[in-house]
Amino acid sequence: MKRFFANTVAFNDATAVDVVDPGSARTAYVTKATLTIVAHVNGKFAGLQDSAGTPVVFCKHIDATAAAGVPSVVTWDFGREGIPMTAGKKVQSISEASGFNGTEAYLYVEGYTVKT
């Protein structure tokens, strides 16, 4: 049985922030992720990863604009089936050191979890 989730998280300068924790007996699938940049940080990245020992980054955006006051939106759509994370691992937002923080960008993530 699928359990659907939709969460919005902010970034925290190089510290992974949990989007969803499926639990040890479930696998998370991400179907869509939308990055909203409120204040640009030129040349820094933001994205999504899983929480495996060596995290798998599956969405990554490098901000190439330093234009103040010009919001940007980046969307990754993985279709109805989505893209699976490592079984039992969390979905996390991540940004580069001195990059995005809690007021500069937000990430909205949709998906579901299934029993492994």
Protein backbone atom coordinates (compact mmCIF):
# COMPACT_ATOMS: atom_id res chain seq x y z
CA MET A 1 0.00 0.00 0.00
CA LYS A 2 1.30 3.44 -0.96
CA ARG A 3 1.52 6.17 1.67
CA PHE A 4 1.65 9.56 0.00
CA PHE A 5 3.61 12.55 1.31
CA ALA A 6 4.00 16.21 0.38
CA ASN A 7 6.37 18.34 2.44
CA THR A 8 7.98 21.75 2.20
CA VAL A 9 11.40 22.26 3.79
CA ALA A 10 13.92 25.07 3.94
CA PHE A 11 17.67 24.66 3.48
CA ASN A 12 20.27 24.87 6.24
CA ASP A 13 23.75 25.70 4.81
CA ALA A 14 25.40 22.31 4.15
CA THR A 15 23.31 20.46 6.75
CA ALA A 16 20.92 17.83 5.42
CA VAL A 17 17.28 18.49 6.35
CA ASP A 18 14.86 15.55 6.43
CA VAL A 19 11.96 15.77 3.99
CA VAL A 20 10.49 12.37 4.86
CA ASP A 21 11.59 9.33 6.87
CA PRO A 22 9.88 6.25 5.39
CA GLY A 23 11.03 3.95 8.21
CA SER A 24 13.30 0.94 7.98
CA ALA A 25 10.76 -1.33 6.25
CA ARG A 26 9.72 1.12 3.51
CA THR A 27 11.18 2.76 0.41
CA ALA A 28 10.47 6.38 -0.50
CA TYR A 29 9.73 7.34 -4.11
CA VAL A 30 9.92 11.00 -5.14
CA THR A 31 7.51 11.92 -7.92
CA LYS A 32 8.06 15.68 -8.04
CA ALA A 33 10.29 18.28 -6.44
CA THR A 34 10.01 22.06 -6.79
CA LEU A 35 12.80 24.41 -5.71
CA THR A 36 11.77 28.01 -5.08
CA ILE A 37 14.67 30.45 -4.83
CA VAL A 38 13.80 33.69 -3.08
CA ALA A 39 17.32 35.14 -2.76
CA HIS A 40 20.03 33.91 -5.13
CA VAL A 41 23.46 32.68 -4.05
CA ASN A 42 25.53 32.68 -7.21
CA GLY A 43 27.36 29.42 -7.96
CA LYS A 44 25.98 27.44 -4.99
CA PHE A 45 23.99 24.21 -5.27
CA ALA A 46 20.78 22.96 -3.73
CA GLY A 47 19.19 19.58 -4.19
CA LEU A 48 17.74 16.33 -2.87
CA GLN A 49 19.54 13.22 -1.70
CA ASP A 50 18.88 10.08 0.29
CA SER A 51 20.47 9.42 3.67
CA ALA A 52 22.56 6.39 2.68
CA GLY A 53 26.12 6.17 4.07
CA THR A 54 27.25 7.69 0.79
CA PRO A 55 24.20 9.80 -0.11
CA VAL A 56 22.78 9.47 -3.60
CA VAL A 57 22.04 12.96 -4.97
CA PHE A 58 19.12 12.73 -7.39
CA CYS A 59 18.20 16.40 -7.93
CA LYS A 60 20.79 19.16 -8.10
CA HIS A 61 20.56 22.79 -9.14
CA ILE A 62 23.49 25.19 -9.30
CA ASP A 63 22.30 28.76 -8.91
CA ALA A 64 23.87 30.79 -11.68
CA THR A 65 22.15 34.08 -10.91
CA ALA A 66 22.98 36.67 -8.29
CA ALA A 67 20.01 38.88 -9.19
CA ALA A 68 18.48 40.17 -5.99
CA GLY A 69 14.69 40.23 -5.85
CA VAL A 70 14.17 37.94 -8.86
CA PRO A 71 12.69 34.65 -7.60
CA SER A 72 13.27 31.47 -9.59
CA VAL A 73 11.50 28.11 -9.68
CA VAL A 74 13.07 24.82 -10.75
CA THR A 75 10.91 21.68 -11.04
CA TRP A 76 11.95 18.05 -11.38
CA ASP A 77 9.09 15.75 -12.44
CA PHE A 78 9.78 12.01 -12.20
CA GLY A 79 6.33 10.90 -13.40
CA ARG A 80 3.70 8.82 -11.63
CA GLU A 81 6.06 6.03 -10.59
CA GLY A 82 8.74 8.39 -9.31
CA ILE A 83 12.37 7.69 -8.54
CA PRO A 84 13.21 5.34 -5.64
CA MET A 85 15.54 6.21 -2.80
CA THR A 86 17.73 3.63 -1.10
CA ALA A 87 15.43 1.27 0.84
CA GLY A 88 14.78 2.44 4.39
CA LYS A 89 16.62 5.75 3.91
CA LYS A 90 15.29 9.28 4.39
CA VAL A 91 14.78 11.86 1.67
CA GLN A 92 16.78 15.00 2.51
CA SER A 93 17.34 18.49 1.16
CA ILE A 94 20.96 19.64 0.99
CA SER A 95 22.75 22.83 0.03
CA GLU A 96 26.36 23.89 -0.20
CA ALA A 97 28.21 25.59 2.67
CA SER A 98 27.56 29.34 2.64
CA GLY A 99 24.78 28.60 0.19
CA PHE A 100 21.05 28.57 0.73
CA ASN A 101 19.68 28.92 4.24
CA GLY A 102 16.21 28.93 5.76
CA THR A 103 15.08 32.19 4.16
CA GLU A 104 16.66 32.04 0.71
CA ALA A 105 15.10 28.91 -0.80
CA TYR A 106 12.43 26.31 -0.16
CA LEU A 107 11.87 22.82 -1.50
CA TYR A 108 8.47 21.22 -1.99
CA VAL A 109 8.61 17.43 -2.44
CA GLU A 110 5.83 15.00 -3.40
CA GLY A 111 5.99 11.24 -3.41
CA TYR A 112 5.01 8.07 -1.64
CA THR A 113 6.45 5.22 0.37
CA VAL A 114 5.90 1.49 -0.08
CA LYS A 115 6.69 -1.51 2.07
CA THR A 116 10.07 -2.99 1.17
